[in-house]
Amino acid sequence: PEGGTCRRRGNVERVLTAGAELATELDLAPGLSAQGSYTYTWAEVRRARGERSLEGKRPPQLPEHQATLGLRRRLDRASFGFDGRFVARRFDDDLNSLALAGFVTVDLSGRIELSPGIELFAAVTNLFDERYPVQRTSEGLTTLGAPNLARIGLSARW
């Protein structure tokens, strides 16, 4: 349409990708551990018949860098966790013209055993209510990721 974009996503013939992922978990003290991971992804469209302008571009929605970091505390009948996640800048479109900013989110979680097989759990995702883009149009409309969300529940195993 005039003044906007109308694109469809389709398969391309060849995408070349390479990457590496590192993950570790360390016991810092009795009942205290740290976890971390890093992912590097290089990707490029190598062949797109009928759509040569895509060749040499990065596939949409694929960040080059992603990382997580977490801490866990375990007590007798309870555990608590903190997790951070980083996602680097990426593109929302196949022409790599609509950049989506990178972001960091933080989550908290906890569990406590009330009796054998019964646990109370609670979690807050996106603790600081980070406003991060997950979709963007050429008209400037940006869709944001999930806001902070708190949940609490009861888990039973038998």
C-alpha atoms as a PDB file:
ATOM      1  CA  PRO A   1       0.000   0.000   0.000  1.00  0.00           C
ATOM      2  CA  GLU A   2       1.035   3.592  -0.579  1.00  0.00           C
ATOM      3  CA  GLY A   3       3.051   5.037   2.301  1.00  0.00           C
ATOM      4  CA  GLY A   4       3.521   1.629   3.913  1.00  0.00           C
ATOM      5  CA  THR A   5       4.921  -1.766   3.371  1.00  0.00           C
ATOM      6  CA  CYS A   6       3.323  -4.983   2.447  1.00  0.00           C
ATOM      7  CA  ARG A   7       5.820  -7.806   2.675  1.00  0.00           C
ATOM      8  CA  ARG A   8       5.435 -11.490   3.035  1.00  0.00           C
ATOM      9  CA  ARG A   9       7.947 -13.804   4.584  1.00  0.00           C
ATOM     10  CA  GLY A  10       8.941 -16.859   2.666  1.00  0.00           C
ATOM     11  CA  ASN A  11      11.673 -19.416   2.586  1.00  0.00           C
ATOM     12  CA  VAL A  12      15.018 -18.687   0.962  1.00  0.00           C
ATOM     13  CA  GLU A  13      17.179 -21.286  -0.749  1.00  0.00           C
ATOM     14  CA  ARG A  14      20.286 -21.020   1.415  1.00  0.00           C
ATOM     15  CA  VAL A  15      21.247 -19.487   4.751  1.00  0.00           C
ATOM     16  CA  LEU A  16      24.768 -19.958   6.078  1.00  0.00           C
ATOM     17  CA  THR A  17      25.027 -20.015   9.864  1.00  0.00           C
ATOM     18  CA  ALA A  18      27.813 -20.529  12.357  1.00  0.00           C
ATOM     19  CA  GLY A  19      27.910 -20.003  16.061  1.00  0.00           C
ATOM     20  CA  ALA A  20      29.002 -21.073  19.468  1.00  0.00           C
ATOM     21  CA  GLU A  21      27.335 -21.509  22.823  1.00  0.00           C
ATOM     22  CA  LEU A  22      29.022 -21.587  26.199  1.00  0.00           C
ATOM     23  CA  ALA A  23      27.301 -22.495  29.446  1.00  0.00           C
ATOM     24  CA  THR A  24      28.568 -22.977  32.959  1.00  0.00           C
ATOM     25  CA  GLU A  25      27.341 -23.563  36.472  1.00  0.00           C
ATOM     26  CA  LEU A  26      29.428 -22.818  39.532  1.00  0.00           C
ATOM     27  CA  ASP A  27      28.853 -23.775  43.141  1.00  0.00           C
ATOM     28  CA  LEU A  28      29.814 -20.594  45.006  1.00  0.00           C
ATOM     29  CA  ALA A  29      29.062 -21.855  48.508  1.00  0.00           C
ATOM     30  CA  PRO A  30      26.905 -24.573  50.070  1.00  0.00           C
ATOM     31  CA  GLY A  31      23.409 -23.972  48.694  1.00  0.00           C
ATOM     32  CA  LEU A  32      24.481 -21.087  46.424  1.00  0.00           C
ATOM     33  CA  SER A  33      25.173 -21.496  42.714  1.00  0.00           C
ATOM     34  CA  ALA A  34      25.588 -19.301  39.656  1.00  0.00           C
ATOM     35  CA  GLN A  35      24.704 -20.171  36.079  1.00  0.00           C
ATOM     36  CA  GLY A  36      25.618 -18.377  32.902  1.00  0.00           C
ATOM     37  CA  SER A  37      25.416 -18.859  29.173  1.00  0.00           C
ATOM     38  CA  TYR A  38      26.437 -16.986  26.052  1.00  0.00           C
ATOM     39  CA  THR A  39      25.347 -17.655  22.483  1.00  0.00           C
ATOM     40  CA  TYR A  40      26.968 -16.176  19.391  1.00  0.00           C
ATOM     41  CA  THR A  41      25.178 -16.681  16.074  1.00  0.00           C
ATOM     42  CA  TRP A  42      26.480 -15.501  12.734  1.00  0.00           C
ATOM     43  CA  ALA A  43      24.004 -15.922   9.883  1.00  0.00           C
ATOM     44  CA  GLU A  44      23.684 -14.672   6.343  1.00  0.00           C
ATOM     45  CA  VAL A  45      21.240 -15.296   3.511  1.00  0.00           C
ATOM     46  CA  ARG A  46      23.364 -16.737   0.713  1.00  0.00           C
ATOM     47  CA  ARG A  47      20.766 -17.467  -1.943  1.00  0.00           C
ATOM     48  CA  ALA A  48      17.252 -16.113  -2.386  1.00  0.00           C
ATOM     49  CA  ARG A  49      16.017 -16.685  -5.906  1.00  0.00           C
ATOM     50  CA  GLY A  50      13.610 -14.057  -7.050  1.00  0.00           C
ATOM     51  CA  GLU A  51      14.606 -11.835  -4.120  1.00  0.00           C
ATOM     52  CA  ARG A  52      18.301 -11.045  -4.688  1.00  0.00           C
ATOM     53  CA  SER A  53      18.090  -8.016  -2.380  1.00  0.00           C
ATOM     54  CA  LEU A  54      17.979 -10.458   0.584  1.00  0.00           C
ATOM     55  CA  GLU A  55      21.355 -12.010  -0.210  1.00  0.00           C
ATOM     56  CA  GLY A  56      24.031 -10.949   2.249  1.00  0.00           C
ATOM     57  CA  LYS A  57      21.423  -9.946   4.831  1.00  0.00           C
ATOM     58  CA  ARG A  58      20.901 -11.339   8.308  1.00  0.00           C
ATOM     59  CA  PRO A  59      17.736 -13.432   8.822  1.00  0.00           C
ATOM     60  CA  PRO A  60      15.036 -11.517  10.719  1.00  0.00           C
ATOM     61  CA  GLN A  61      14.615 -11.787  14.492  1.00  0.00           C
ATOM     62  CA  LEU A  62      18.028 -13.429  14.980  1.00  0.00           C
ATOM     63  CA  PRO A  63      20.349 -11.566  17.368  1.00  0.00           C
ATOM     64  CA  GLU A  64      24.088 -12.037  17.021  1.00  0.00           C
ATOM     65  CA  HIS A  65      24.595 -12.138  20.802  1.00  0.00           C
ATOM     66  CA  GLN A  66      22.482 -13.526  23.661  1.00  0.00           C
ATOM     67  CA  ALA A  67      23.449 -14.159  27.264  1.00  0.00           C
ATOM     68  CA  THR A  68      21.936 -15.244  30.567  1.00  0.00           C
ATOM     69  CA  LEU A  69      23.156 -15.030  34.132  1.00  0.00           C
ATOM     70  CA  GLY A  70      21.485 -16.533  37.161  1.00  0.00           C
ATOM     71  CA  LEU A  71      21.924 -17.100  40.878  1.00  0.00           C
ATOM     72  CA  ARG A  72      20.227 -19.836  42.899  1.00  0.00           C
ATOM     73  CA  ARG A  73      19.970 -20.139  46.670  1.00  0.00           C
ATOM     74  CA  ARG A  74      18.828 -23.442  48.131  1.00  0.00           C
ATOM     75  CA  LEU A  75      17.824 -23.854  51.756  1.00  0.00           C
ATOM     76  CA  ASP A  76      16.308 -26.847  53.540  1.00  0.00           C
ATOM     77  CA  ARG A  77      12.820 -26.620  52.058  1.00  0.00           C
ATOM     78  CA  ALA A  78      13.073 -23.514  49.906  1.00  0.00           C
ATOM     79  CA  SER A  79      14.886 -22.177  46.863  1.00  0.00           C
ATOM     80  CA  PHE A  80      15.143 -18.722  45.350  1.00  0.00           C
ATOM     81  CA  GLY A  81      16.428 -17.607  41.973  1.00  0.00           C
ATOM     82  CA  PHE A  82      17.473 -14.514  40.080  1.00  0.00           C
ATOM     83  CA  ASP A  83      17.908 -14.582  36.296  1.00  0.00           C
ATOM     84  CA  GLY A  84      19.044 -11.914  33.875  1.00  0.00           C
ATOM     85  CA  ARG A  85      18.763 -12.166  30.102  1.00  0.00           C
ATOM     86  CA  PHE A  86      20.454 -10.068  27.430  1.00  0.00           C
ATOM     87  CA  VAL A  87      19.386 -10.053  23.773  1.00  0.00           C
ATOM     88  CA  ALA A  88      21.388  -7.936  21.314  1.00  0.00           C
ATOM     89  CA  ARG A  89      20.031  -5.795  18.520  1.00  0.00           C
ATOM     90  CA  ARG A  90      18.354  -7.663  15.686  1.00  0.00           C
ATOM     91  CA  PHE A  91      16.228  -6.857  12.636  1.00  0.00           C
ATOM     92  CA  ASP A  92      12.509  -7.335  12.253  1.00  0.00           C
ATOM     93  CA  ASP A  93      12.583  -7.444   8.476  1.00  0.00           C
ATOM     94  CA  ASP A  94      14.422  -9.451   5.859  1.00  0.00           C
ATOM     95  CA  LEU A  95      16.017  -6.325   4.311  1.00  0.00           C
ATOM     96  CA  ASN A  96      17.651  -5.422   7.660  1.00  0.00           C
ATOM     97  CA  SER A  97      16.174  -1.934   7.637  1.00  0.00           C
ATOM     98  CA  LEU A  98      13.995  -2.181  10.758  1.00  0.00           C
ATOM     99  CA  ALA A  99      16.310  -2.594  13.727  1.00  0.00           C
ATOM    100  CA  LEU A 100      15.010  -3.802  17.079  1.00  0.00           C
ATOM    101  CA  ALA A 101      17.017  -2.517  20.036  1.00  0.00           C
ATOM    102  CA  GLY A 102      18.728  -4.960  22.353  1.00  0.00           C
ATOM    103  CA  PHE A 103      17.406  -5.393  25.877  1.00  0.00           C
ATOM    104  CA  VAL A 104      17.974  -6.857  29.322  1.00  0.00           C
ATOM    105  CA  THR A 105      15.299  -8.392  31.520  1.00  0.00           C
ATOM    106  CA  VAL A 106      15.435  -9.688  35.097  1.00  0.00           C
ATOM    107  CA  ASP A 107      13.281 -12.439  36.617  1.00  0.00           C
ATOM    108  CA  LEU A 108      12.862 -13.629  40.220  1.00  0.00           C
ATOM    109  CA  SER A 109      11.464 -16.928  41.431  1.00  0.00           C
ATOM    110  CA  GLY A 110      11.038 -18.877  44.625  1.00  0.00           C
ATOM    111  CA  ARG A 111       9.637 -22.150  45.960  1.00  0.00           C
ATOM    112  CA  ILE A 112       8.958 -23.478  49.420  1.00  0.00           C
ATOM    113  CA  GLU A 113       7.964 -27.013  50.351  1.00  0.00           C
ATOM    114  CA  LEU A 114       4.901 -26.910  52.588  1.00  0.00           C
ATOM    115  CA  SER A 115       4.759 -30.678  53.080  1.00  0.00           C
ATOM    116  CA  PRO A 116       6.082 -33.682  51.154  1.00  0.00           C
ATOM    117  CA  GLY A 117       4.843 -33.291  47.569  1.00  0.00           C
ATOM    118  CA  ILE A 118       3.247 -29.846  48.125  1.00  0.00           C
ATOM    119  CA  GLU A 119       5.090 -26.668  47.102  1.00  0.00           C
ATOM    120  CA  LEU A 120       4.161 -23.019  47.037  1.00  0.00           C
ATOM    121  CA  PHE A 121       5.862 -21.113  44.230  1.00  0.00           C
ATOM    122  CA  ALA A 122       6.044 -17.510  43.126  1.00  0.00           C
ATOM    123  CA  ALA A 123       7.735 -15.723  40.240  1.00  0.00           C
ATOM    124  CA  VAL A 124       8.052 -12.266  38.741  1.00  0.00           C
ATOM    125  CA  THR A 125       9.137 -12.040  35.126  1.00  0.00           C
ATOM    126  CA  ASN A 126      10.516  -8.793  33.694  1.00  0.00           C
ATOM    127  CA  LEU A 127      10.859  -7.479  37.236  1.00  0.00           C
ATOM    128  CA  PHE A 128      11.750  -3.903  36.251  1.00  0.00           C
ATOM    129  CA  ASP A 129       9.028  -3.737  33.563  1.00  0.00           C
ATOM    130  CA  GLU A 130      11.570  -3.261  30.762  1.00  0.00           C
ATOM    131  CA  ARG A 131       9.924  -1.981  27.590  1.00  0.00           C
ATOM    132  CA  TYR A 132      11.621  -3.841  24.757  1.00  0.00           C
ATOM    133  CA  PRO A 133      10.670  -4.121  21.088  1.00  0.00           C
ATOM    134  CA  VAL A 134       9.726  -7.464  19.550  1.00  0.00           C
ATOM    135  CA  GLN A 135       8.252  -6.184  16.287  1.00  0.00           C
ATOM    136  CA  ARG A 136       8.453  -2.982  14.251  1.00  0.00           C
ATOM    137  CA  THR A 137       6.815  -1.790  11.074  1.00  0.00           C
ATOM    138  CA  SER A 138       8.180   0.690   8.539  1.00  0.00           C
ATOM    139  CA  GLU A 139       5.392   3.059   9.652  1.00  0.00           C
ATOM    140  CA  GLY A 140       6.987   3.188  13.110  1.00  0.00           C
ATOM    141  CA  LEU A 141       4.514   0.953  14.948  1.00  0.00           C
ATOM    142  CA  THR A 142       6.437  -1.004  17.583  1.00  0.00           C
ATOM    143  CA  THR A 143       5.096  -4.026  19.432  1.00  0.00           C
ATOM    144  CA  LEU A 144       6.579  -4.424  22.895  1.00  0.00           C
ATOM    145  CA  GLY A 145       7.495  -7.615  24.731  1.00  0.00           C
ATOM    146  CA  ALA A 146       5.608  -8.847  27.751  1.00  0.00           C
ATOM    147  CA  PRO A 147       5.414  -6.440  30.713  1.00  0.00           C
ATOM    148  CA  ASN A 148       6.235  -7.545  34.233  1.00  0.00           C
ATOM    149  CA  LEU A 149       4.095 -10.405  35.389  1.00  0.00           C
ATOM    150  CA  ALA A 150       3.746 -11.875  38.863  1.00  0.00           C
ATOM    151  CA  ARG A 151       2.351 -15.306  39.486  1.00  0.00           C
ATOM    152  CA  ILE A 152       1.879 -17.510  42.500  1.00  0.00           C
ATOM    153  CA  GLY A 153       0.736 -21.087  42.684  1.00  0.00           C
ATOM    154  CA  LEU A 154       0.602 -24.385  44.438  1.00  0.00           C
ATOM    155  CA  SER A 155       2.234 -27.527  43.075  1.00  0.00           C
ATOM    156  CA  ALA A 156       1.277 -31.053  44.112  1.00  0.00           C
ATOM    157  CA  ARG A 157       3.036 -34.334  43.240  1.00  0.00           C
ATOM    158  CA  TRP A 158       1.740 -37.763  44.055  1.00  0.00           C
END
